[in-house]
Amino acid sequence: SFKVTYTIDSAIEWYTANAFVYQLVNKALRTEDIELLYLFRSYIIDLRSQLEQEHKQISSTEVFIVVRGQTMSTEEFEKLKQSCGVLISTNGFFSTSRDPKVALSFIVGSYNTDKKRLISFEITVDPQLKLVIFADTETYSRMKDETNVLFSVGAVFIITQIHYDSLMNMNLWKIQMKATDDDWKQVDEYLITIGKQIKEEYSSTILFDVPSFYHQLEDVYYAKNDFDTALDYYILGYNLRCQYLSSNHYQIAVSLNNLGIVYEDKQNYDQALEYCKQALAIYEKTI
């Protein structure tokens, strides 16, 4: 059905209506699976472009709040608890709702355990932001009462507060955040700060870490077939991971494999083969 009926102006509709598309696209972005990224490259560009077009049509200047309910591993949450005032970014498109009941309905029936926590992200959004791309998707959604707001890849937020809340008797943790454009003004200072933090403990979670930032840029340029620019960022991300991860870490293998695929696309087959062999050697030791 997707192959037959998809058009450029239906990207948002497919994302909000089809779990298959939603799950695969976010898996590709989250895991940096370059083969999936290549498969969905045109769709990802279409979805980003349509969100940008919708964002430009926003006329309201009134600040509003959206909510997202989800579960999170206890380990990831404990790291997040220490991160008030820190910039964070998701690795994929980020779905929220203006209606808290709709947002939290996705975790109804779930419970806090030793291994997972129930989370409510409460995000304050200024419609006049220019760099954080988001749009209301209600007009495209088949579920008209969900009042969804979808953020594009690369949206950045500042955590302002984290506290326990018995909202709707769900006993969850509320993470309050603010969407911001300020990160681009502060990026040099932030990279220095996060670089110091990475030396103490490298994290590949939802937190905005430098290698993941580079890989998000890589993914975009690769999807646009700009292999030279993508390669530059792949190398930056790979070199940084090499500084703070063990030589047999799986993310080193991911970077090596991605480098190999880009070199293959550039028809540098010897270099591609070398990187793929290195990635395979790590996979064989870790899987």
Protein backbone atom coordinates (compact mmCIF):
# COMPACT_ATOMS: atom_id res chain seq x y z
CA SER A 1 0.00 0.00 0.00
CA PHE A 2 2.82 2.42 0.89
CA LYS A 3 4.66 1.75 -2.35
CA VAL A 4 1.52 2.24 -4.44
CA THR A 5 -0.18 5.20 -2.72
CA TYR A 6 2.63 7.23 -1.11
CA THR A 7 3.14 10.81 -2.31
CA ILE A 8 5.50 13.54 -1.09
CA ASP A 9 2.69 15.51 0.55
CA SER A 10 1.48 12.47 2.53
CA ALA A 11 4.64 11.95 4.61
CA ILE A 12 3.09 13.18 7.88
CA GLU A 13 -0.09 11.21 7.27
CA TRP A 14 1.87 7.99 6.81
CA TYR A 15 4.01 8.65 9.87
CA THR A 16 1.01 9.24 12.15
CA ALA A 17 -1.18 6.49 10.73
CA ASN A 18 1.17 3.60 10.02
CA ALA A 19 3.05 1.92 12.88
CA PHE A 20 5.22 0.06 10.35
CA VAL A 21 6.60 3.31 8.90
CA TYR A 22 6.89 5.00 12.32
CA GLN A 23 8.82 2.12 13.87
CA LEU A 24 11.22 1.51 11.00
CA VAL A 25 12.08 5.17 10.46
CA ASN A 26 12.83 5.76 14.12
CA LYS A 27 14.74 2.49 14.37
CA ALA A 28 16.93 3.61 11.46
CA LEU A 29 17.65 6.97 13.11
CA ARG A 30 18.06 5.56 16.63
CA THR A 31 20.40 2.69 15.73
CA GLU A 32 22.22 4.54 12.93
CA ASP A 33 21.42 1.61 10.63
CA ILE A 34 22.74 3.05 7.40
CA GLU A 35 21.03 0.44 5.22
CA LEU A 36 17.63 1.34 6.69
CA LEU A 37 18.53 5.03 6.38
CA TYR A 38 19.32 4.51 2.72
CA LEU A 39 16.04 2.65 2.24
CA PHE A 40 14.02 5.44 3.86
CA ARG A 41 16.24 8.36 2.81
CA SER A 42 13.64 9.92 0.49
CA TYR A 43 10.83 9.49 3.01
CA ILE A 44 12.89 11.04 5.86
CA ILE A 45 13.68 14.05 3.67
CA ASP A 46 9.99 14.34 2.68
CA LEU A 47 8.85 14.17 6.30
CA ARG A 48 11.37 16.78 7.44
CA SER A 49 10.43 19.03 4.53
CA GLN A 50 6.70 18.76 5.16
CA LEU A 51 7.21 19.53 8.86
CA GLU A 52 9.30 22.56 7.90
CA GLN A 53 6.54 23.78 5.57
CA GLU A 54 3.91 23.35 8.27
CA HIS A 55 6.15 25.07 10.82
CA LYS A 56 6.44 28.14 8.59
CA GLN A 57 2.65 28.42 8.57
CA ILE A 58 2.41 28.80 12.35
CA SER A 59 0.93 32.21 13.10
CA SER A 60 0.30 31.91 16.84
CA THR A 61 2.75 33.56 19.25
CA GLU A 62 1.28 31.96 22.38
CA VAL A 63 3.58 29.62 24.29
CA PHE A 64 2.00 26.19 24.83
CA ILE A 65 2.75 22.88 26.58
CA VAL A 66 2.83 19.39 25.08
CA VAL A 67 3.20 16.03 26.83
CA ARG A 68 4.72 12.69 25.93
CA GLY A 69 4.24 9.49 27.94
CA GLN A 70 6.74 6.67 27.65
CA THR A 71 8.66 4.04 29.58
CA MET A 72 12.42 4.33 30.08
CA SER A 73 15.04 1.97 31.44
CA THR A 74 15.97 2.65 35.06
CA GLU A 75 19.63 3.02 34.09
CA GLU A 76 18.87 5.69 31.49
CA PHE A 77 16.50 7.50 33.83
CA GLU A 78 19.03 7.65 36.66
CA LYS A 79 21.47 9.36 34.30
CA LEU A 80 18.77 11.74 33.17
CA LYS A 81 17.95 12.68 36.79
CA GLN A 82 21.41 14.20 37.08
CA SER A 83 20.94 16.34 33.99
CA CYS A 84 18.82 19.36 34.95
CA GLY A 85 19.98 22.31 32.90
CA VAL A 86 21.49 20.05 30.26
CA LEU A 87 20.63 20.14 26.55
CA ILE A 88 19.12 16.92 25.23
CA SER A 89 18.07 15.76 21.80
CA THR A 90 16.25 12.71 20.49
CA ASN A 91 17.66 10.50 17.78
CA GLY A 92 14.44 10.45 15.79
CA PHE A 93 11.16 12.23 15.23
CA PHE A 94 9.46 13.04 18.55
CA SER A 95 5.68 12.67 18.95
CA THR A 96 3.79 14.59 21.64
CA SER A 97 0.23 15.70 22.38
CA ARG A 98 -1.37 18.90 23.60
CA ASP A 99 -3.74 16.71 25.65
CA PRO A 100 -2.04 15.05 28.67
CA LYS A 101 -4.67 12.31 28.83
CA VAL A 102 -3.97 11.33 25.21
CA ALA A 103 -0.20 11.40 25.79
CA LEU A 104 -0.36 9.30 28.94
CA SER A 105 -2.80 6.80 27.43
CA PHE A 106 0.21 5.19 25.74
CA ILE A 107 1.56 4.04 29.12
CA VAL A 108 -1.73 3.20 30.84
CA GLY A 109 -1.44 -0.29 32.28
CA SER A 110 2.34 -0.05 32.67
CA TYR A 111 4.05 0.05 36.05
CA ASN A 112 7.33 1.15 37.55
CA THR A 113 9.66 -1.81 38.10
CA ASP A 114 13.28 -2.31 39.03
CA LYS A 115 14.16 -2.19 35.34
CA LYS A 116 11.88 0.54 33.97
CA ARG A 117 10.25 3.83 34.92
CA LEU A 118 7.09 5.54 33.74
CA ILE A 119 7.94 8.97 32.34
CA SER A 120 5.89 12.02 31.45
CA PHE A 121 7.77 14.58 29.36
CA GLU A 122 6.17 18.02 29.77
CA ILE A 123 7.57 20.39 27.17
CA THR A 124 7.09 24.16 26.98
CA VAL A 125 7.15 25.35 23.37
CA ASP A 126 7.44 28.84 21.91
CA PRO A 127 5.84 28.94 18.41
CA GLN A 128 8.33 31.62 17.37
CA LEU A 129 11.31 29.26 17.59
CA LYS A 130 13.12 29.06 14.26
CA LEU A 131 15.55 26.15 14.64
CA VAL A 132 13.30 23.72 16.51
CA ILE A 133 11.02 22.37 13.79
CA PHE A 134 7.59 21.11 14.87
CA ALA A 135 4.02 21.12 13.61
CA ASP A 136 0.50 20.16 14.60
CA THR A 137 -0.37 16.98 12.73
CA GLU A 138 -4.05 16.74 13.58
CA THR A 139 -5.15 17.68 10.06
CA TYR A 140 -3.11 14.76 8.68
CA SER A 141 -3.94 12.20 11.34
CA ARG A 142 -6.77 9.71 11.11
CA MET A 143 -7.16 10.10 14.90
CA LYS A 144 -8.53 13.66 15.00
CA ASP A 145 -8.81 13.87 18.78
CA GLU A 146 -5.14 13.19 19.57
CA THR A 147 -4.01 16.83 19.06
CA ASN A 148 -0.51 15.63 18.19
CA VAL A 149 2.53 17.85 17.78
CA LEU A 150 5.45 16.23 15.96
CA PHE A 151 9.04 17.46 16.37
CA SER A 152 11.55 16.90 13.59
CA VAL A 153 14.93 15.22 14.00
CA GLY A 154 17.45 17.42 15.78
CA ALA A 155 15.01 19.31 18.05
CA VAL A 156 16.83 20.35 21.20
CA PHE A 157 15.43 20.84 24.70
CA ILE A 158 16.67 22.01 28.08
CA ILE A 159 15.66 19.97 31.13
CA THR A 160 14.32 22.39 33.76
CA GLN A 161 12.99 20.05 36.44
CA ILE A 162 12.54 16.36 37.26
CA HIS A 163 10.23 15.21 40.05
CA TYR A 164 7.95 12.37 41.11
CA ASP A 165 4.27 12.89 40.39
CA SER A 166 1.12 10.89 41.10
CA LEU A 167 -0.63 12.49 38.11
CA MET A 168 -3.81 10.60 37.22
CA ASN A 169 -2.80 8.08 39.95
CA MET A 170 -0.14 6.71 37.60
CA ASN A 171 2.85 7.29 39.92
CA LEU A 172 5.24 8.48 37.26
CA TRP A 173 8.26 10.73 36.94
CA LYS A 174 7.63 14.10 35.31
CA ILE A 175 10.49 15.57 33.26
CA GLN A 176 9.84 19.22 32.49
CA MET A 177 11.68 20.64 29.49
CA LYS A 178 11.77 23.69 27.27
CA ALA A 179 12.31 23.64 23.52
CA THR A 180 15.13 25.99 22.63
CA ASP A 181 17.05 27.59 19.77
CA ASP A 182 19.76 28.77 22.14
CA ASP A 183 21.92 25.65 21.75
CA TRP A 184 23.34 26.91 18.46
CA LYS A 185 24.56 30.06 20.20
CA GLN A 186 25.99 28.05 23.07
CA VAL A 187 27.24 25.04 21.13
CA ASP A 188 30.97 25.78 21.46
CA GLU A 189 30.76 26.15 25.23
CA TYR A 190 28.50 23.12 25.47
CA LEU A 191 30.79 20.89 23.43
CA ILE A 192 33.65 21.74 25.79
CA THR A 193 31.49 20.95 28.82
CA ILE A 194 30.09 17.71 27.46
CA GLY A 195 33.56 16.68 26.31
CA LYS A 196 34.71 16.83 29.93
CA GLN A 197 31.69 14.80 31.00
CA ILE A 198 32.35 12.17 28.35
CA LYS A 199 35.86 11.67 29.69
CA GLU A 200 34.32 10.66 33.02
CA GLU A 201 31.57 8.45 31.62
CA TYR A 202 30.47 8.01 28.02
CA SER A 203 26.71 7.77 27.50
CA SER A 204 24.81 6.81 24.33
CA THR A 205 21.34 7.41 25.78
CA ILE A 206 18.81 10.09 24.94
CA LEU A 207 21.28 12.69 26.23
CA PHE A 208 22.76 15.02 23.67
CA ASP A 209 26.29 13.57 23.37
CA VAL A 210 28.76 14.77 20.77
CA PRO A 211 29.19 11.56 18.72
CA SER A 212 25.43 11.17 18.37
CA PHE A 213 25.19 14.81 17.29
CA TYR A 214 27.72 14.15 14.53
CA HIS A 215 25.91 10.98 13.50
CA GLN A 216 22.59 12.83 13.21
CA LEU A 217 24.27 15.26 10.83
CA GLU A 218 25.83 12.35 8.93
CA ASP A 219 22.48 10.64 8.52
CA VAL A 220 20.90 13.74 7.01
CA TYR A 221 23.71 14.32 4.50
CA TYR A 222 23.82 10.63 3.59
CA ALA A 223 20.07 10.63 2.96
CA LYS A 224 20.61 13.56 0.62
CA ASN A 225 23.34 11.61 -1.24
CA ASP A 226 25.93 14.18 -0.15
CA PHE A 227 28.49 11.48 0.56
CA ASP A 228 31.50 13.76 0.96
CA THR A 229 29.91 15.81 3.73
CA ALA A 230 28.44 12.70 5.33
CA LEU A 231 31.88 11.10 5.33
CA ASP A 232 33.40 14.12 7.07
CA TYR A 233 30.92 13.81 9.92
CA TYR A 234 31.21 10.01 10.09
CA ILE A 235 34.94 10.40 10.58
CA LEU A 236 34.44 13.04 13.29
CA GLY A 237 32.00 10.80 15.16
CA TYR A 238 34.20 7.74 14.72
CA ASN A 239 37.34 9.49 15.97
CA LEU A 240 35.53 10.80 19.04
CA ARG A 241 34.11 7.39 19.87
CA CYS A 242 37.58 5.92 19.56
CA GLN A 243 38.79 8.35 22.23
CA TYR A 244 36.24 7.33 24.86
CA LEU A 245 35.16 3.77 24.03
CA SER A 246 37.02 0.48 24.11
CA SER A 247 38.31 -0.69 20.74
CA ASN A 248 35.79 -3.58 20.75
CA HIS A 249 32.72 -1.50 21.65
CA TYR A 250 29.75 -2.18 19.36
CA GLN A 251 29.36 1.52 18.53
CA ILE A 252 32.89 1.51 17.12
CA ALA A 253 31.74 -1.30 14.85
CA VAL A 254 28.65 0.71 13.85
CA SER A 255 30.86 3.65 12.87
CA LEU A 256 33.27 1.43 10.94
CA ASN A 257 30.43 -0.27 9.07
CA ASN A 258 28.90 3.10 8.17
CA LEU A 259 32.25 4.35 6.91
CA GLY A 260 32.57 1.24 4.78
CA ILE A 261 29.16 1.73 3.19
CA VAL A 262 29.87 5.39 2.38
CA TYR A 263 33.19 4.49 0.78
CA GLU A 264 31.36 1.83 -1.24
CA ASP A 265 28.92 4.47 -2.47
CA LYS A 266 31.92 6.62 -3.40
CA GLN A 267 33.25 3.58 -5.32
CA ASN A 268 36.37 3.39 -3.16
CA TYR A 269 36.02 -0.35 -2.77
CA ASP A 270 39.39 -1.10 -1.19
CA GLN A 271 38.77 1.38 1.61
CA ALA A 272 35.20 0.13 1.99
CA LEU A 273 36.37 -3.46 2.34
CA GLU A 274 38.94 -2.52 4.97
CA TYR A 275 36.41 -0.74 7.18
CA CYS A 276 33.85 -3.52 6.81
CA LYS A 277 36.44 -6.13 7.79
CA GLN A 278 37.27 -4.14 10.92
CA ALA A 279 33.59 -3.84 11.80
CA LEU A 280 33.04 -7.58 11.26
CA ALA A 281 35.95 -8.43 13.54
CA ILE A 282 34.35 -6.43 16.38
CA TYR A 283 30.88 -7.87 15.75
CA GLU A 284 32.28 -11.41 15.95
CA LYS A 285 33.78 -10.64 19.36
CA THR A 286 30.75 -8.88 20.84
CA ILE A 287 27.72 -10.71 19.42
